[in-house]
Amino acid sequence: MPSRIIWSSDHHFGHRAILDERMATRRPFASIEEHDETLIARRA
C-alpha cells in the first residue's frame, strides 16, 4: 500500500480572532466551532 503524505500547518483551532471581520481574508464560518468541525471533517 502506498504511503500517504499529509502536509499541515497551524490550523488555528479555537482561535476566534481568525474570524474577525478585519482579517484580510474572510473565512466562511459563522463560529470558531464550525471552523474547527469543518477542518476535522475535511481531514478524513
Protein backbone atom coordinates (compact mmCIF):
# COMPACT_ATOMS: atom_id res chain seq x y z
CA MET A 1 0.00 0.00 0.00
CA PRO A 2 1.48 3.40 -0.92
CA SER A 3 2.13 5.79 1.92
CA ARG A 4 0.00 8.88 2.34
CA ILE A 5 1.72 12.19 3.00
CA ILE A 6 -0.28 14.92 4.68
CA TRP A 7 1.13 18.44 4.98
CA SER A 8 -0.13 20.54 7.81
CA SER A 9 0.38 23.95 9.34
CA ASP A 10 -1.20 25.94 12.15
CA HIS A 11 -4.94 25.34 11.79
CA HIS A 12 -5.86 27.86 14.48
CA PHE A 13 -8.20 25.51 16.34
CA GLY A 14 -10.16 27.53 18.89
CA HIS A 15 -8.65 30.83 17.69
CA ARG A 16 -11.66 33.15 17.42
CA ALA A 17 -9.62 36.10 16.12
CA ILE A 18 -9.20 34.45 12.71
CA LEU A 19 -12.91 35.02 12.10
CA ASP A 20 -12.67 38.75 12.82
CA GLU A 21 -14.10 40.96 10.07
CA ARG A 22 -10.82 42.91 9.97
CA MET A 23 -8.89 39.91 8.65
CA ALA A 24 -7.65 40.37 5.08
CA THR A 25 -9.21 37.05 4.03
CA ARG A 26 -12.65 36.31 5.43
CA ARG A 27 -13.39 32.73 6.39
CA PRO A 28 -16.78 31.22 5.53
CA PHE A 29 -17.67 30.13 9.07
CA ALA A 30 -20.28 31.52 11.45
CA SER A 31 -18.34 30.38 14.53
CA ILE A 32 -14.97 29.01 15.55
CA GLU A 33 -16.71 25.75 16.46
CA GLU A 34 -17.99 25.42 12.87
CA HIS A 35 -14.45 26.20 11.63
CA ASP A 36 -12.89 23.52 13.83
CA GLU A 37 -15.51 20.88 12.98
CA THR A 38 -15.10 21.55 9.24
CA LEU A 39 -11.32 21.22 9.39
CA ILE A 40 -11.61 17.95 11.29
CA ALA A 41 -14.21 16.58 8.84
CA ARG A 42 -12.07 17.52 5.81
CA ARG A 43 -9.07 15.69 7.21
CA ALA A 44 -10.63 12.30 6.55
